[in-house]
C-alpha cells in the first residue's frame, strides 16, 4: 500500500500531465487520441501507465471476463477514465466508482477532454472501500 503523500504526489503529476496534453491538443478529438498522448506524456515524466487494462468481475467466487477495460492505470494506483463527450453524466461517475470497487483501488479521475478548459473536465473520485 502506498503512503497517502506518495499517492497525492502521483495525483498531482497526473493532473499536471492532463493540463499539458489539453493545452497542446485542445478539445474536439477522439478519446483514443487523448489517451495515447496522455500515456506518452506520463511515460515521458517517468510515470508507469498501462492502457486498456482488463477488469474482470468477481462475484460469489466466480471470475467473469465481461469485457470491461480500465482506460488507464497509473502506477497500479490511480484509475483514469477518458471521455470526449458534450458533458459528463452521472453514469460516467458510476462507471468509475464501480471500476474502483472492482479493482480494489481507491483513487480515480474521470476526464472529459471535450471542454474549453480542462479543469472543467476533471473529476476526482474516491472509493471509500
N, C-alpha and C. Protein backbone atom coordinates (compact mmCIF):
# COMPACT_ATOMS: atom_id res chain seq x y z
N UNK A 1 0.85 -1.19 0.00
CA UNK A 1 0.00 0.00 0.00
C UNK A 1 0.88 1.24 0.00
N UNK A 2 0.59 2.17 -0.87
CA UNK A 2 1.36 3.39 -0.94
C UNK A 2 0.92 4.37 0.12
N UNK A 3 1.89 5.17 0.56
CA UNK A 3 1.56 6.22 1.52
C UNK A 3 0.70 7.28 0.85
N UNK A 4 -0.12 7.92 1.65
CA UNK A 4 -1.02 8.96 1.15
C UNK A 4 -0.25 10.08 0.43
N UNK A 5 0.90 10.46 1.00
CA UNK A 5 1.71 11.53 0.39
C UNK A 5 2.19 11.13 -1.01
N UNK A 6 2.56 9.85 -1.17
CA UNK A 6 3.02 9.38 -2.47
C UNK A 6 1.88 9.36 -3.48
N UNK A 7 0.70 8.94 -3.04
CA UNK A 7 -0.47 8.92 -3.93
C UNK A 7 -0.83 10.35 -4.33
N UNK A 8 -0.78 11.28 -3.40
CA UNK A 8 -1.10 12.68 -3.72
C UNK A 8 -0.07 13.28 -4.68
N UNK A 9 1.18 12.93 -4.50
CA UNK A 9 2.23 13.42 -5.41
C UNK A 9 1.98 12.86 -6.82
N UNK A 10 1.61 11.60 -6.89
CA UNK A 10 1.29 10.98 -8.18
C UNK A 10 0.05 11.62 -8.80
N UNK A 11 -0.97 11.87 -7.98
CA UNK A 11 -2.19 12.51 -8.48
C UNK A 11 -1.88 13.89 -9.04
N UNK A 12 -1.01 14.62 -8.38
CA UNK A 12 -0.61 15.95 -8.86
C UNK A 12 0.09 15.84 -10.21
N UNK A 13 0.95 14.84 -10.36
CA UNK A 13 1.65 14.63 -11.63
C UNK A 13 0.65 14.28 -12.74
N UNK A 14 -0.36 13.48 -12.41
CA UNK A 14 -1.38 13.12 -13.40
C UNK A 14 -2.14 14.36 -13.85
N UNK A 15 -2.58 15.17 -12.92
CA UNK A 15 -3.34 16.38 -13.26
C UNK A 15 -2.48 17.33 -14.09
N UNK A 16 -1.23 17.48 -13.73
CA UNK A 16 -0.33 18.34 -14.49
C UNK A 16 -0.18 17.83 -15.93
N UNK A 17 -0.09 16.51 -16.09
CA UNK A 17 0.01 15.93 -17.43
C UNK A 17 -1.29 16.15 -18.21
N UNK A 18 -2.43 16.07 -17.53
CA UNK A 18 -3.71 16.35 -18.19
C UNK A 18 -3.72 17.76 -18.76
N UNK A 19 -3.28 18.71 -17.95
CA UNK A 19 -3.22 20.10 -18.39
C UNK A 19 -2.29 20.26 -19.60
N UNK A 20 -1.14 19.61 -19.54
CA UNK A 20 -0.15 19.72 -20.62
C UNK A 20 -0.72 19.20 -21.93
N UNK A 21 -1.34 18.03 -21.89
CA UNK A 21 -1.89 17.42 -23.10
C UNK A 21 -3.05 18.27 -23.64
N UNK A 22 -3.94 18.71 -22.77
CA UNK A 22 -5.08 19.50 -23.23
C UNK A 22 -4.63 20.84 -23.81
N UNK A 23 -3.63 21.44 -23.19
CA UNK A 23 -3.10 22.70 -23.71
C UNK A 23 -2.52 22.49 -25.12
N UNK A 24 -1.90 21.34 -25.33
CA UNK A 24 -1.29 21.05 -26.63
C UNK A 24 -2.30 20.67 -27.71
N UNK A 25 -3.37 20.00 -27.33
CA UNK A 25 -4.32 19.49 -28.32
C UNK A 25 -5.63 20.26 -28.39
N UNK A 26 -6.11 20.76 -27.25
CA UNK A 26 -7.42 21.41 -27.21
C UNK A 26 -8.53 20.39 -27.29
N UNK A 27 -9.79 20.85 -27.25
CA UNK A 27 -10.94 19.94 -27.32
C UNK A 27 -11.23 19.52 -28.76
N UNK A 28 -12.08 18.49 -28.90
CA UNK A 28 -12.61 18.14 -30.22
C UNK A 28 -12.06 16.88 -30.85
N UNK A 29 -11.11 16.21 -30.21
CA UNK A 29 -10.55 14.98 -30.78
C UNK A 29 -11.24 13.76 -30.17
N UNK A 30 -10.89 12.60 -30.67
CA UNK A 30 -11.41 11.35 -30.13
C UNK A 30 -10.70 11.01 -28.82
N UNK A 31 -11.43 10.30 -27.97
CA UNK A 31 -10.88 9.85 -26.69
C UNK A 31 -9.56 9.11 -26.87
N UNK A 32 -9.46 8.28 -27.90
CA UNK A 32 -8.25 7.48 -28.12
C UNK A 32 -7.02 8.34 -28.37
N UNK A 33 -7.18 9.47 -29.03
CA UNK A 33 -6.05 10.36 -29.28
C UNK A 33 -5.54 10.96 -27.98
N UNK A 34 -6.46 11.41 -27.13
CA UNK A 34 -6.05 11.96 -25.84
C UNK A 34 -5.38 10.90 -24.98
N UNK A 35 -5.94 9.70 -24.99
CA UNK A 35 -5.38 8.63 -24.18
C UNK A 35 -3.95 8.31 -24.60
N UNK A 36 -3.70 8.20 -25.89
CA UNK A 36 -2.36 7.91 -26.39
C UNK A 36 -1.39 9.02 -26.03
N UNK A 37 -1.82 10.26 -26.17
CA UNK A 37 -0.95 11.40 -25.86
C UNK A 37 -0.69 11.51 -24.36
N UNK A 38 -1.72 11.24 -23.54
CA UNK A 38 -1.54 11.29 -22.10
C UNK A 38 -0.60 10.18 -21.64
N UNK A 39 -0.76 8.99 -22.19
CA UNK A 39 0.15 7.88 -21.84
C UNK A 39 1.59 8.27 -22.19
N UNK A 40 1.79 8.86 -23.35
CA UNK A 40 3.12 9.31 -23.75
C UNK A 40 3.66 10.36 -22.77
N UNK A 41 2.82 11.33 -22.42
CA UNK A 41 3.25 12.40 -21.51
C UNK A 41 3.62 11.84 -20.14
N UNK A 42 2.83 10.93 -19.63
CA UNK A 42 3.14 10.34 -18.32
C UNK A 42 4.43 9.53 -18.38
N UNK A 43 4.59 8.72 -19.41
CA UNK A 43 5.82 7.93 -19.55
C UNK A 43 7.04 8.82 -19.71
N UNK A 44 6.88 9.91 -20.43
CA UNK A 44 7.98 10.87 -20.61
C UNK A 44 8.43 11.43 -19.26
N UNK A 45 7.50 11.50 -18.33
CA UNK A 45 7.79 12.00 -16.98
C UNK A 45 8.25 10.89 -16.03
N UNK A 46 8.40 9.69 -16.55
CA UNK A 46 8.85 8.57 -15.72
C UNK A 46 7.76 7.89 -14.92
N UNK A 47 6.50 8.10 -15.31
CA UNK A 47 5.36 7.52 -14.62
C UNK A 47 4.88 6.30 -15.41
N UNK A 48 4.78 5.16 -14.73
CA UNK A 48 4.32 3.93 -15.39
C UNK A 48 2.82 4.00 -15.62
N UNK A 49 2.40 3.62 -16.81
CA UNK A 49 0.97 3.64 -17.14
C UNK A 49 0.67 2.47 -18.07
N UNK A 50 -0.47 1.84 -17.82
CA UNK A 50 -0.97 0.79 -18.71
C UNK A 50 -2.33 1.23 -19.23
N UNK A 51 -2.60 0.92 -20.50
CA UNK A 51 -3.86 1.32 -21.12
C UNK A 51 -4.70 0.09 -21.46
N UNK A 52 -6.02 0.30 -21.42
CA UNK A 52 -6.99 -0.75 -21.78
C UNK A 52 -6.74 -2.02 -20.97
N UNK A 53 -6.69 -1.86 -19.67
CA UNK A 53 -6.40 -2.96 -18.74
C UNK A 53 -7.69 -3.75 -18.48
N UNK A 54 -7.64 -5.06 -18.71
CA UNK A 54 -8.81 -5.91 -18.46
C UNK A 54 -9.21 -5.86 -17.00
N UNK A 55 -10.52 -5.79 -16.78
CA UNK A 55 -11.06 -5.73 -15.42
C UNK A 55 -12.15 -6.78 -15.28
N UNK A 56 -11.81 -7.93 -14.70
CA UNK A 56 -12.82 -8.97 -14.53
C UNK A 56 -13.81 -8.60 -13.42
N UNK A 57 -14.98 -9.18 -13.50
CA UNK A 57 -15.99 -9.03 -12.47
C UNK A 57 -15.87 -10.25 -11.56
N UNK A 58 -15.76 -10.00 -10.26
CA UNK A 58 -15.70 -11.09 -9.29
C UNK A 58 -17.02 -11.09 -8.50
N UNK A 59 -17.66 -12.27 -8.53
CA UNK A 59 -18.94 -12.39 -7.84
C UNK A 59 -19.11 -13.81 -7.33
N UNK A 60 -19.35 -13.94 -6.05
CA UNK A 60 -19.69 -15.21 -5.43
C UNK A 60 -18.70 -16.32 -5.82
N UNK A 61 -17.41 -15.99 -5.77
CA UNK A 61 -16.39 -16.97 -6.09
C UNK A 61 -16.11 -17.14 -7.57
N UNK A 62 -16.88 -16.47 -8.42
CA UNK A 62 -16.67 -16.54 -9.86
C UNK A 62 -15.81 -15.36 -10.32
N UNK A 63 -15.02 -15.60 -11.34
CA UNK A 63 -14.30 -14.53 -12.01
C UNK A 63 -14.81 -14.51 -13.45
N UNK A 64 -15.47 -13.42 -13.80
CA UNK A 64 -16.14 -13.32 -15.10
C UNK A 64 -15.44 -12.27 -15.95
N UNK A 65 -14.98 -12.70 -17.12
CA UNK A 65 -14.43 -11.74 -18.07
C UNK A 65 -15.60 -11.18 -18.87
N UNK A 66 -16.09 -10.03 -18.43
CA UNK A 66 -17.25 -9.42 -19.07
C UNK A 66 -16.85 -8.36 -20.10
N UNK A 67 -15.56 -8.27 -20.38
CA UNK A 67 -15.11 -7.32 -21.39
C UNK A 67 -14.88 -5.91 -20.90
N UNK A 68 -14.88 -5.71 -19.58
CA UNK A 68 -14.62 -4.38 -19.04
C UNK A 68 -13.14 -4.06 -19.12
N UNK A 69 -12.85 -2.80 -19.42
CA UNK A 69 -11.47 -2.36 -19.52
C UNK A 69 -11.32 -1.00 -18.84
N UNK A 70 -10.25 -0.89 -18.08
CA UNK A 70 -9.87 0.39 -17.48
C UNK A 70 -9.13 1.16 -18.57
N UNK A 71 -9.51 2.40 -18.82
CA UNK A 71 -8.81 3.18 -19.85
C UNK A 71 -7.33 3.29 -19.53
N UNK A 72 -7.01 3.73 -18.31
CA UNK A 72 -5.61 3.90 -17.94
C UNK A 72 -5.42 3.56 -16.46
N UNK A 73 -4.34 2.86 -16.18
CA UNK A 73 -3.96 2.52 -14.82
C UNK A 73 -2.57 3.09 -14.58
N UNK A 74 -2.49 4.05 -13.68
CA UNK A 74 -1.24 4.78 -13.45
C UNK A 74 -0.56 4.23 -12.20
N UNK A 75 0.65 3.74 -12.38
CA UNK A 75 1.46 3.22 -11.28
C UNK A 75 0.70 2.19 -10.44
N UNK A 76 -0.22 1.46 -11.09
CA UNK A 76 -1.02 0.44 -10.40
C UNK A 76 -1.79 1.02 -9.21
N UNK A 77 -2.02 2.34 -9.23
CA UNK A 77 -2.59 3.04 -8.08
C UNK A 77 -3.79 3.91 -8.42
N UNK A 78 -3.76 4.58 -9.56
CA UNK A 78 -4.80 5.54 -9.93
C UNK A 78 -5.44 5.11 -11.25
N UNK A 79 -6.78 5.08 -11.26
CA UNK A 79 -7.53 4.79 -12.48
C UNK A 79 -7.87 6.09 -13.19
N UNK A 80 -7.79 6.06 -14.50
CA UNK A 80 -8.26 7.18 -15.30
C UNK A 80 -9.26 6.68 -16.32
N UNK A 81 -10.40 7.32 -16.39
CA UNK A 81 -11.39 7.04 -17.42
C UNK A 81 -11.51 8.29 -18.28
N UNK A 82 -11.20 8.13 -19.56
CA UNK A 82 -11.21 9.24 -20.50
C UNK A 82 -12.52 9.27 -21.27
N UNK A 83 -13.05 10.47 -21.43
CA UNK A 83 -14.26 10.69 -22.22
C UNK A 83 -14.01 11.90 -23.12
N UNK A 84 -14.69 11.92 -24.24
CA UNK A 84 -14.70 13.09 -25.11
C UNK A 84 -16.16 13.30 -25.50
N UNK A 85 -16.91 13.86 -24.57
CA UNK A 85 -18.36 13.98 -24.71
C UNK A 85 -18.79 15.43 -24.49
N UNK A 86 -20.02 15.70 -24.87
CA UNK A 86 -20.56 17.05 -24.69
C UNK A 86 -20.57 17.43 -23.21
N UNK A 87 -20.98 16.48 -22.36
CA UNK A 87 -20.99 16.71 -20.92
C UNK A 87 -20.93 15.37 -20.20
N UNK A 88 -20.25 15.37 -19.07
CA UNK A 88 -20.22 14.16 -18.25
C UNK A 88 -21.60 13.92 -17.66
N UNK A 89 -21.97 12.66 -17.55
CA UNK A 89 -23.27 12.28 -16.99
C UNK A 89 -23.04 11.47 -15.71
N UNK A 90 -24.05 11.38 -14.87
CA UNK A 90 -23.92 10.57 -13.65
C UNK A 90 -23.46 9.13 -13.92
N UNK A 91 -23.86 8.57 -15.05
CA UNK A 91 -23.46 7.20 -15.37
C UNK A 91 -21.94 7.09 -15.53
N UNK A 92 -21.28 8.16 -15.98
CA UNK A 92 -19.82 8.14 -16.11
C UNK A 92 -19.16 8.04 -14.74
N UNK A 93 -19.68 8.79 -13.78
CA UNK A 93 -19.15 8.71 -12.42
C UNK A 93 -19.43 7.33 -11.82
N UNK A 94 -20.61 6.80 -12.06
CA UNK A 94 -20.94 5.47 -11.55
C UNK A 94 -20.00 4.42 -12.13
N UNK A 95 -19.67 4.55 -13.41
CA UNK A 95 -18.75 3.62 -14.05
C UNK A 95 -17.39 3.66 -13.35
N UNK A 96 -16.86 4.84 -13.13
CA UNK A 96 -15.55 4.94 -12.49
C UNK A 96 -15.60 4.40 -11.06
N UNK A 97 -16.63 4.74 -10.31
CA UNK A 97 -16.74 4.22 -8.94
C UNK A 97 -16.84 2.69 -8.93
N UNK A 98 -17.56 2.12 -9.88
CA UNK A 98 -17.65 0.66 -9.97
C UNK A 98 -16.30 0.06 -10.33
N UNK A 99 -15.58 0.67 -11.26
CA UNK A 99 -14.25 0.18 -11.61
C UNK A 99 -13.30 0.25 -10.42
N UNK A 100 -13.40 1.32 -9.63
CA UNK A 100 -12.58 1.42 -8.43
C UNK A 100 -12.91 0.28 -7.48
N UNK A 101 -14.19 0.03 -7.28
CA UNK A 101 -14.62 -1.04 -6.38
C UNK A 101 -14.13 -2.40 -6.88
N UNK A 102 -14.33 -2.69 -8.16
CA UNK A 102 -13.92 -3.98 -8.72
C UNK A 102 -12.41 -4.20 -8.68
N UNK A 103 -11.66 -3.12 -8.83
CA UNK A 103 -10.19 -3.23 -8.85
C UNK A 103 -9.58 -3.19 -7.46
N UNK A 104 -10.36 -2.72 -6.48
CA UNK A 104 -9.83 -2.58 -5.13
C UNK A 104 -8.97 -1.35 -4.95
N UNK A 105 -9.03 -0.44 -5.91
CA UNK A 105 -8.25 0.81 -5.82
C UNK A 105 -9.11 1.91 -5.22
N UNK A 106 -8.43 2.94 -4.75
CA UNK A 106 -9.12 3.99 -4.00
C UNK A 106 -9.37 5.26 -4.81
N UNK A 107 -8.43 5.64 -5.70
CA UNK A 107 -8.48 6.95 -6.36
C UNK A 107 -8.60 6.82 -7.86
N UNK A 108 -9.49 7.64 -8.42
CA UNK A 108 -9.65 7.67 -9.87
C UNK A 108 -9.97 9.07 -10.36
N UNK A 109 -9.68 9.29 -11.62
CA UNK A 109 -10.02 10.55 -12.27
C UNK A 109 -10.90 10.25 -13.48
N UNK A 110 -12.00 10.97 -13.58
CA UNK A 110 -12.86 10.95 -14.74
C UNK A 110 -12.54 12.22 -15.51
N UNK A 111 -12.16 12.06 -16.77
CA UNK A 111 -11.69 13.21 -17.55
C UNK A 111 -12.52 13.35 -18.81
N UNK A 112 -13.14 14.51 -18.97
CA UNK A 112 -13.81 14.86 -20.22
C UNK A 112 -12.91 15.84 -20.96
N UNK A 113 -12.34 15.38 -22.06
CA UNK A 113 -11.41 16.20 -22.83
C UNK A 113 -12.11 17.23 -23.69
N UNK A 114 -13.40 17.10 -23.89
CA UNK A 114 -14.13 17.97 -24.80
C UNK A 114 -14.67 19.21 -24.09
N UNK A 115 -13.76 19.93 -23.45
CA UNK A 115 -14.10 21.16 -22.72
C UNK A 115 -13.10 22.25 -23.10
N UNK A 116 -13.53 23.52 -23.04
CA UNK A 116 -12.58 24.60 -23.37
C UNK A 116 -11.39 24.67 -22.40
N UNK A 117 -11.67 24.46 -21.10
CA UNK A 117 -10.62 24.47 -20.08
C UNK A 117 -10.66 23.13 -19.34
N UNK A 118 -9.55 22.44 -19.33
CA UNK A 118 -9.53 21.07 -18.81
C UNK A 118 -9.95 20.99 -17.34
N UNK A 119 -9.73 22.03 -16.57
CA UNK A 119 -10.14 21.96 -15.15
C UNK A 119 -11.63 21.72 -15.03
N UNK A 120 -12.40 22.15 -16.04
CA UNK A 120 -13.85 21.91 -16.04
C UNK A 120 -14.19 20.45 -16.35
N UNK A 121 -13.22 19.72 -16.89
CA UNK A 121 -13.47 18.34 -17.31
C UNK A 121 -12.87 17.28 -16.41
N UNK A 122 -12.25 17.68 -15.31
CA UNK A 122 -11.60 16.72 -14.41
C UNK A 122 -12.45 16.51 -13.17
N UNK A 123 -12.77 15.24 -12.89
CA UNK A 123 -13.46 14.89 -11.65
C UNK A 123 -12.63 13.86 -10.92
N UNK A 124 -12.30 14.15 -9.69
CA UNK A 124 -11.55 13.23 -8.83
C UNK A 124 -12.55 12.48 -7.98
N UNK A 125 -12.50 11.15 -8.03
CA UNK A 125 -13.43 10.32 -7.28
C UNK A 125 -12.65 9.36 -6.38
N UNK A 126 -13.18 9.14 -5.20
CA UNK A 126 -12.53 8.27 -4.22
C UNK A 126 -13.48 7.16 -3.83
N UNK A 127 -12.98 5.95 -3.85
CA UNK A 127 -13.72 4.79 -3.38
C UNK A 127 -13.43 4.64 -1.91
N UNK A 128 -14.42 4.74 -1.08
CA UNK A 128 -14.22 4.68 0.36
C UNK A 128 -14.09 3.26 0.88
N UNK A 129 -13.88 2.33 -0.02
CA UNK A 129 -13.67 0.92 0.32
C UNK A 129 -14.54 0.58 1.47
